[in-house]
C-alpha cells in the first residue's frame, strides 16, 4: 500500500541530475561552480531544490560514475566531465 506513495518521490529524485544538467547547459555555464552557486542558478530558472547540500549530494553521486569532477577546496566546486555541449 505505501509503495504507491513512494513512487512519485522516487521519480522526482531520479531526475535531479538531469534538471541540474539542463539548467547549467541552458545557462552556458562551463566554469566550475559551488553547490550554492548552482542552487542559485537553479532557482533563477524556476527549479526547486531542497538545499545546496542536496545539490552537492546529487553531484557527488554522479562523480562516483565519472560524470562530474569534484574540485577539492573550500568550498568544493563541481564541473561536468561529459560535456555534450561541444557536439
C-alpha atoms as a PDB file:
ATOM      1  CA  UNK A   1       0.000   0.000   0.000  1.00  0.00           C
ATOM      2  CA  UNK A   2       2.738   2.538   0.873  1.00  0.00           C
ATOM      3  CA  UNK A   3       4.748   1.643  -2.243  1.00  0.00           C
ATOM      4  CA  UNK A   4       2.423   3.767  -4.386  1.00  0.00           C
ATOM      5  CA  UNK A   5       3.073   6.776  -2.149  1.00  0.00           C
ATOM      6  CA  UNK A   6       6.841   6.419  -2.502  1.00  0.00           C
ATOM      7  CA  UNK A   7       6.965   6.033  -6.292  1.00  0.00           C
ATOM      8  CA  UNK A   8       6.276   9.716  -7.176  1.00  0.00           C
ATOM      9  CA  UNK A   9       9.030  10.833  -4.800  1.00  0.00           C
ATOM     10  CA  UNK A  10      11.487   8.377  -6.349  1.00  0.00           C
ATOM     11  CA  UNK A  11      10.660   9.630  -9.837  1.00  0.00           C
ATOM     12  CA  UNK A  12      11.320  13.211  -8.790  1.00  0.00           C
ATOM     13  CA  UNK A  13      14.648  12.337  -7.247  1.00  0.00           C
ATOM     14  CA  UNK A  14      15.698  10.312 -10.265  1.00  0.00           C
ATOM     15  CA  UNK A  15      15.511  13.444 -12.437  1.00  0.00           C
ATOM     16  CA  UNK A  16      17.501  15.758 -10.182  1.00  0.00           C
ATOM     17  CA  UNK A  17      20.798  15.332 -12.013  1.00  0.00           C
ATOM     18  CA  UNK A  18      19.105  15.875 -15.355  1.00  0.00           C
ATOM     19  CA  UNK A  19      17.453  19.068 -14.081  1.00  0.00           C
ATOM     20  CA  UNK A  20      20.774  20.410 -12.806  1.00  0.00           C
ATOM     21  CA  UNK A  21      22.497  19.475 -16.040  1.00  0.00           C
ATOM     22  CA  UNK A  22      19.776  21.044 -18.168  1.00  0.00           C
ATOM     23  CA  UNK A  23      19.814  24.388 -16.347  1.00  0.00           C
ATOM     24  CA  UNK A  24      23.608  24.620 -16.426  1.00  0.00           C
ATOM     25  CA  UNK A  25      23.605  23.820 -20.138  1.00  0.00           C
ATOM     26  CA  UNK A  26      20.957  26.473 -20.804  1.00  0.00           C
ATOM     27  CA  UNK A  27      22.948  28.985 -18.768  1.00  0.00           C
ATOM     28  CA  UNK A  28      26.046  28.088 -20.808  1.00  0.00           C
ATOM     29  CA  UNK A  29      27.969  27.722 -17.576  1.00  0.00           C
ATOM     30  CA  UNK A  30      31.202  25.853 -18.220  1.00  0.00           C
ATOM     31  CA  UNK A  31      33.137  27.139 -15.219  1.00  0.00           C
ATOM     32  CA  UNK A  32      33.366  25.064 -12.014  1.00  0.00           C
ATOM     33  CA  UNK A  33      30.686  26.162  -9.559  1.00  0.00           C
ATOM     34  CA  UNK A  34      29.918  25.616  -5.893  1.00  0.00           C
ATOM     35  CA  UNK A  35      26.724  23.840  -4.853  1.00  0.00           C
ATOM     36  CA  UNK A  36      25.390  27.165  -3.542  1.00  0.00           C
ATOM     37  CA  UNK A  37      26.056  28.881  -6.886  1.00  0.00           C
ATOM     38  CA  UNK A  38      24.350  26.026  -8.707  1.00  0.00           C
ATOM     39  CA  UNK A  39      21.372  26.226  -6.343  1.00  0.00           C
ATOM     40  CA  UNK A  40      21.044  29.953  -7.005  1.00  0.00           C
ATOM     41  CA  UNK A  41      21.135  29.356 -10.770  1.00  0.00           C
ATOM     42  CA  UNK A  42      18.522  26.601 -10.453  1.00  0.00           C
ATOM     43  CA  UNK A  43      16.232  28.913  -8.500  1.00  0.00           C
ATOM     44  CA  UNK A  44      16.680  31.667 -11.109  1.00  0.00           C
ATOM     45  CA  UNK A  45      15.451  29.165 -13.719  1.00  0.00           C
ATOM     46  CA  UNK A  46      12.430  28.101 -11.652  1.00  0.00           C
ATOM     47  CA  UNK A  47      13.827  24.766 -10.459  1.00  0.00           C
ATOM     48  CA  UNK A  48      13.292  23.975  -6.787  1.00  0.00           C
ATOM     49  CA  UNK A  49      15.824  22.038  -4.745  1.00  0.00           C
ATOM     50  CA  UNK A  50      15.848  21.429  -1.002  1.00  0.00           C
ATOM     51  CA  UNK A  51      19.247  22.985  -0.394  1.00  0.00           C
ATOM     52  CA  UNK A  52      22.815  23.395  -1.594  1.00  0.00           C
ATOM     53  CA  UNK A  53      23.549  20.232   0.381  1.00  0.00           C
ATOM     54  CA  UNK A  54      21.069  18.316  -1.807  1.00  0.00           C
ATOM     55  CA  UNK A  55      22.741  19.686  -4.966  1.00  0.00           C
ATOM     56  CA  UNK A  56      26.129  18.567  -3.608  1.00  0.00           C
ATOM     57  CA  UNK A  57      24.743  15.111  -2.797  1.00  0.00           C
ATOM     58  CA  UNK A  58      23.320  14.649  -6.294  1.00  0.00           C
ATOM     59  CA  UNK A  59      26.558  15.800  -7.935  1.00  0.00           C
ATOM     60  CA  UNK A  60      28.690  13.732  -5.566  1.00  0.00           C
ATOM     61  CA  UNK A  61      26.827  10.592  -6.598  1.00  0.00           C
ATOM     62  CA  UNK A  62      27.373  11.433 -10.250  1.00  0.00           C
ATOM     63  CA  UNK A  63      31.071  11.981  -9.534  1.00  0.00           C
ATOM     64  CA  UNK A  64      31.330   8.321  -8.494  1.00  0.00           C
ATOM     65  CA  UNK A  65      30.186   7.407 -12.012  1.00  0.00           C
ATOM     66  CA  UNK A  66      32.661   9.800 -13.631  1.00  0.00           C
ATOM     67  CA  UNK A  67      30.082  12.303 -14.898  1.00  0.00           C
ATOM     68  CA  UNK A  68      31.117  15.122 -12.559  1.00  0.00           C
ATOM     69  CA  UNK A  69      34.527  16.247 -11.355  1.00  0.00           C
ATOM     70  CA  UNK A  70      34.688  17.386  -7.739  1.00  0.00           C
ATOM     71  CA  UNK A  71      37.365  20.015  -7.297  1.00  0.00           C
ATOM     72  CA  UNK A  72      38.698  19.867  -3.771  1.00  0.00           C
ATOM     73  CA  UNK A  73      38.811  23.129  -1.895  1.00  0.00           C
ATOM     74  CA  UNK A  74      36.801  25.246   0.454  1.00  0.00           C
ATOM     75  CA  UNK A  75      34.092  25.102  -0.785  1.00  0.00           C
ATOM     76  CA  UNK A  76      34.077  22.210  -3.237  1.00  0.00           C
ATOM     77  CA  UNK A  77      33.413  23.108  -6.854  1.00  0.00           C
ATOM     78  CA  UNK A  78      31.772  20.910  -9.456  1.00  0.00           C
ATOM     79  CA  UNK A  79      32.438  20.556 -13.167  1.00  0.00           C
ATOM     80  CA  UNK A  80      30.694  18.241 -15.636  1.00  0.00           C
ATOM     81  CA  UNK A  81      33.011  15.752 -17.330  1.00  0.00           C
ATOM     82  CA  UNK A  82      30.661  14.505 -20.064  1.00  0.00           C
ATOM     83  CA  UNK A  83      30.185  17.865 -21.712  1.00  0.00           C
ATOM     84  CA  UNK A  84      27.925  17.158 -24.675  1.00  0.00           C
ATOM     85  CA  UNK A  85      27.554  20.848 -25.481  1.00  0.00           C
ATOM     86  CA  UNK A  86      30.667  20.536 -27.621  1.00  0.00           C
ATOM     87  CA  UNK A  87      28.807  18.287 -30.100  1.00  0.00           C
END
